Amino acid sequence: MPEFRTTRRLAHSAEAMFDLVADVERYPEFVPFCEVLQVRGRRSEGELEVLVADMT
């Protein structure tokens, strides 16, 4: 499977970065090489939300 890695220093809080990364449905707007994301399922496990998605 192809892999992409990079390191950057950002002027954003850890909370702001977590919120950005957790917003999976918006990945096609800002994740390199992500053209389409389709959520296949979503469920709660205690305090966690589990999301299953296809990303191309």
N, C-alpha and C. Protein backbone atom coordinates (compact mmCIF):
# COMPACT_ATOMS: atom_id res chain seq x y z
N MET A 1 0.85 -1.18 0.00
CA MET A 1 0.00 0.00 0.00
C MET A 1 0.89 1.24 0.00
N PRO A 2 0.57 2.23 -0.82
CA PRO A 2 1.37 3.46 -0.83
C PRO A 2 1.36 4.15 0.53
N GLU A 3 2.45 4.83 0.80
CA GLU A 3 2.58 5.51 2.09
C GLU A 3 3.11 6.92 1.86
N PHE A 4 2.61 7.86 2.66
CA PHE A 4 3.05 9.25 2.58
C PHE A 4 3.38 9.71 3.99
N ARG A 5 4.57 10.26 4.19
CA ARG A 5 4.96 10.77 5.51
C ARG A 5 5.60 12.14 5.36
N THR A 6 5.34 12.98 6.36
CA THR A 6 5.99 14.28 6.41
C THR A 6 5.96 14.78 7.85
N THR A 7 6.81 15.72 8.17
CA THR A 7 6.83 16.32 9.50
C THR A 7 6.77 17.83 9.35
N ARG A 8 5.91 18.45 10.13
CA ARG A 8 5.77 19.91 10.10
C ARG A 8 5.55 20.43 11.52
N ARG A 9 6.07 21.59 11.81
CA ARG A 9 5.77 22.29 13.06
C ARG A 9 4.62 23.25 12.77
N LEU A 10 3.58 23.18 13.58
CA LEU A 10 2.39 23.98 13.33
C LEU A 10 2.09 24.90 14.49
N ALA A 11 1.51 26.04 14.18
CA ALA A 11 1.16 27.01 15.22
C ALA A 11 -0.30 26.83 15.64
N HIS A 12 -0.65 25.59 15.96
CA HIS A 12 -2.02 25.27 16.38
C HIS A 12 -1.95 24.41 17.63
N SER A 13 -2.98 24.49 18.45
CA SER A 13 -3.01 23.70 19.68
C SER A 13 -3.25 22.22 19.35
N ALA A 14 -2.90 21.37 20.29
CA ALA A 14 -3.17 19.94 20.13
C ALA A 14 -4.67 19.70 19.98
N GLU A 15 -5.49 20.45 20.69
CA GLU A 15 -6.95 20.29 20.60
C GLU A 15 -7.45 20.64 19.20
N ALA A 16 -6.94 21.73 18.63
CA ALA A 16 -7.35 22.13 17.28
C ALA A 16 -6.92 21.08 16.26
N MET A 17 -5.73 20.54 16.42
CA MET A 17 -5.25 19.51 15.50
C MET A 17 -6.07 18.23 15.63
N PHE A 18 -6.41 17.85 16.86
CA PHE A 18 -7.25 16.66 17.07
C PHE A 18 -8.59 16.84 16.39
N ASP A 19 -9.21 18.01 16.57
CA ASP A 19 -10.51 18.28 15.94
C ASP A 19 -10.42 18.16 14.42
N LEU A 20 -9.34 18.65 13.84
CA LEU A 20 -9.14 18.56 12.40
C LEU A 20 -9.01 17.11 11.95
N VAL A 21 -8.18 16.35 12.63
CA VAL A 21 -7.95 14.95 12.26
C VAL A 21 -9.20 14.10 12.50
N ALA A 22 -9.97 14.42 13.52
CA ALA A 22 -11.17 13.66 13.84
C ALA A 22 -12.31 13.92 12.85
N ASP A 23 -12.22 14.97 12.07
CA ASP A 23 -13.28 15.32 11.11
C ASP A 23 -13.06 14.54 9.81
N VAL A 24 -13.20 13.23 9.90
CA VAL A 24 -12.87 12.32 8.81
C VAL A 24 -13.64 12.64 7.54
N GLU A 25 -14.89 13.01 7.66
CA GLU A 25 -15.71 13.27 6.46
C GLU A 25 -15.18 14.42 5.60
N ARG A 26 -14.37 15.29 6.18
CA ARG A 26 -13.81 16.42 5.41
C ARG A 26 -12.42 16.11 4.83
N TYR A 27 -11.90 14.91 5.03
CA TYR A 27 -10.57 14.56 4.53
C TYR A 27 -10.36 14.89 3.06
N PRO A 28 -11.33 14.64 2.16
CA PRO A 28 -11.08 14.97 0.75
C PRO A 28 -10.76 16.45 0.52
N GLU A 29 -11.12 17.31 1.46
CA GLU A 29 -10.85 18.74 1.32
C GLU A 29 -9.39 19.11 1.62
N PHE A 30 -8.69 18.28 2.43
CA PHE A 30 -7.35 18.69 2.84
C PHE A 30 -6.30 17.59 2.95
N VAL A 31 -6.67 16.32 2.83
CA VAL A 31 -5.68 15.25 2.92
C VAL A 31 -5.13 14.96 1.52
N PRO A 32 -3.80 15.04 1.35
CA PRO A 32 -3.22 14.78 0.04
C PRO A 32 -3.61 13.39 -0.48
N PHE A 33 -3.95 13.31 -1.74
CA PHE A 33 -4.28 12.08 -2.44
C PHE A 33 -5.63 11.47 -2.05
N CYS A 34 -6.36 12.05 -1.13
CA CYS A 34 -7.69 11.56 -0.76
C CYS A 34 -8.71 12.28 -1.65
N GLU A 35 -9.27 11.54 -2.58
CA GLU A 35 -10.24 12.14 -3.50
C GLU A 35 -11.67 11.93 -3.05
N VAL A 36 -11.96 10.75 -2.49
CA VAL A 36 -13.33 10.42 -2.07
C VAL A 36 -13.26 9.68 -0.75
N LEU A 37 -14.18 9.99 0.15
CA LEU A 37 -14.31 9.27 1.41
C LEU A 37 -15.78 8.97 1.62
N GLN A 38 -16.09 7.68 1.81
CA GLN A 38 -17.47 7.28 2.04
C GLN A 38 -17.55 6.55 3.37
N VAL A 39 -18.35 7.07 4.29
CA VAL A 39 -18.55 6.44 5.59
C VAL A 39 -19.45 5.22 5.40
N ARG A 40 -18.96 4.05 5.81
CA ARG A 40 -19.72 2.81 5.68
C ARG A 40 -20.48 2.48 6.95
N GLY A 41 -20.01 2.95 8.09
CA GLY A 41 -20.68 2.64 9.34
C GLY A 41 -20.14 3.47 10.47
N ARG A 42 -20.96 3.58 11.51
CA ARG A 42 -20.59 4.37 12.68
C ARG A 42 -21.27 3.74 13.89
N ARG A 43 -20.52 3.59 14.98
CA ARG A 43 -21.12 3.04 16.21
C ARG A 43 -20.39 3.60 17.42
N SER A 44 -21.05 3.54 18.56
CA SER A 44 -20.45 3.99 19.81
C SER A 44 -19.99 2.78 20.61
N GLU A 45 -18.82 2.91 21.21
CA GLU A 45 -18.29 1.90 22.12
C GLU A 45 -17.88 2.64 23.39
N GLY A 46 -18.80 2.72 24.33
CA GLY A 46 -18.55 3.51 25.54
C GLY A 46 -18.45 4.97 25.17
N GLU A 47 -17.32 5.59 25.52
CA GLU A 47 -17.11 7.00 25.22
C GLU A 47 -16.51 7.21 23.82
N LEU A 48 -16.21 6.12 23.13
CA LEU A 48 -15.57 6.21 21.82
C LEU A 48 -16.59 6.13 20.69
N GLU A 49 -16.30 6.81 19.59
CA GLU A 49 -17.08 6.66 18.37
C GLU A 49 -16.20 5.94 17.36
N VAL A 50 -16.69 4.82 16.83
CA VAL A 50 -15.96 4.03 15.85
C VAL A 50 -16.58 4.29 14.49
N LEU A 51 -15.74 4.66 13.54
CA LEU A 51 -16.20 5.00 12.20
C LEU A 51 -15.45 4.11 11.21
N VAL A 52 -16.18 3.49 10.29
CA VAL A 52 -15.58 2.68 9.23
C VAL A 52 -15.84 3.39 7.92
N ALA A 53 -14.78 3.61 7.14
CA ALA A 53 -14.93 4.37 5.90
C ALA A 53 -14.02 3.81 4.82
N ASP A 54 -14.42 4.03 3.57
CA ASP A 54 -13.58 3.75 2.41
C ASP A 54 -13.01 5.08 1.93
N MET A 55 -11.71 5.09 1.66
CA MET A 55 -11.06 6.32 1.22
C MET A 55 -10.22 6.01 -0.02
N THR A 56 -10.40 6.82 -1.07
CA THR A 56 -9.60 6.64 -2.27
C THR A 56 -9.01 7.97 -2.69
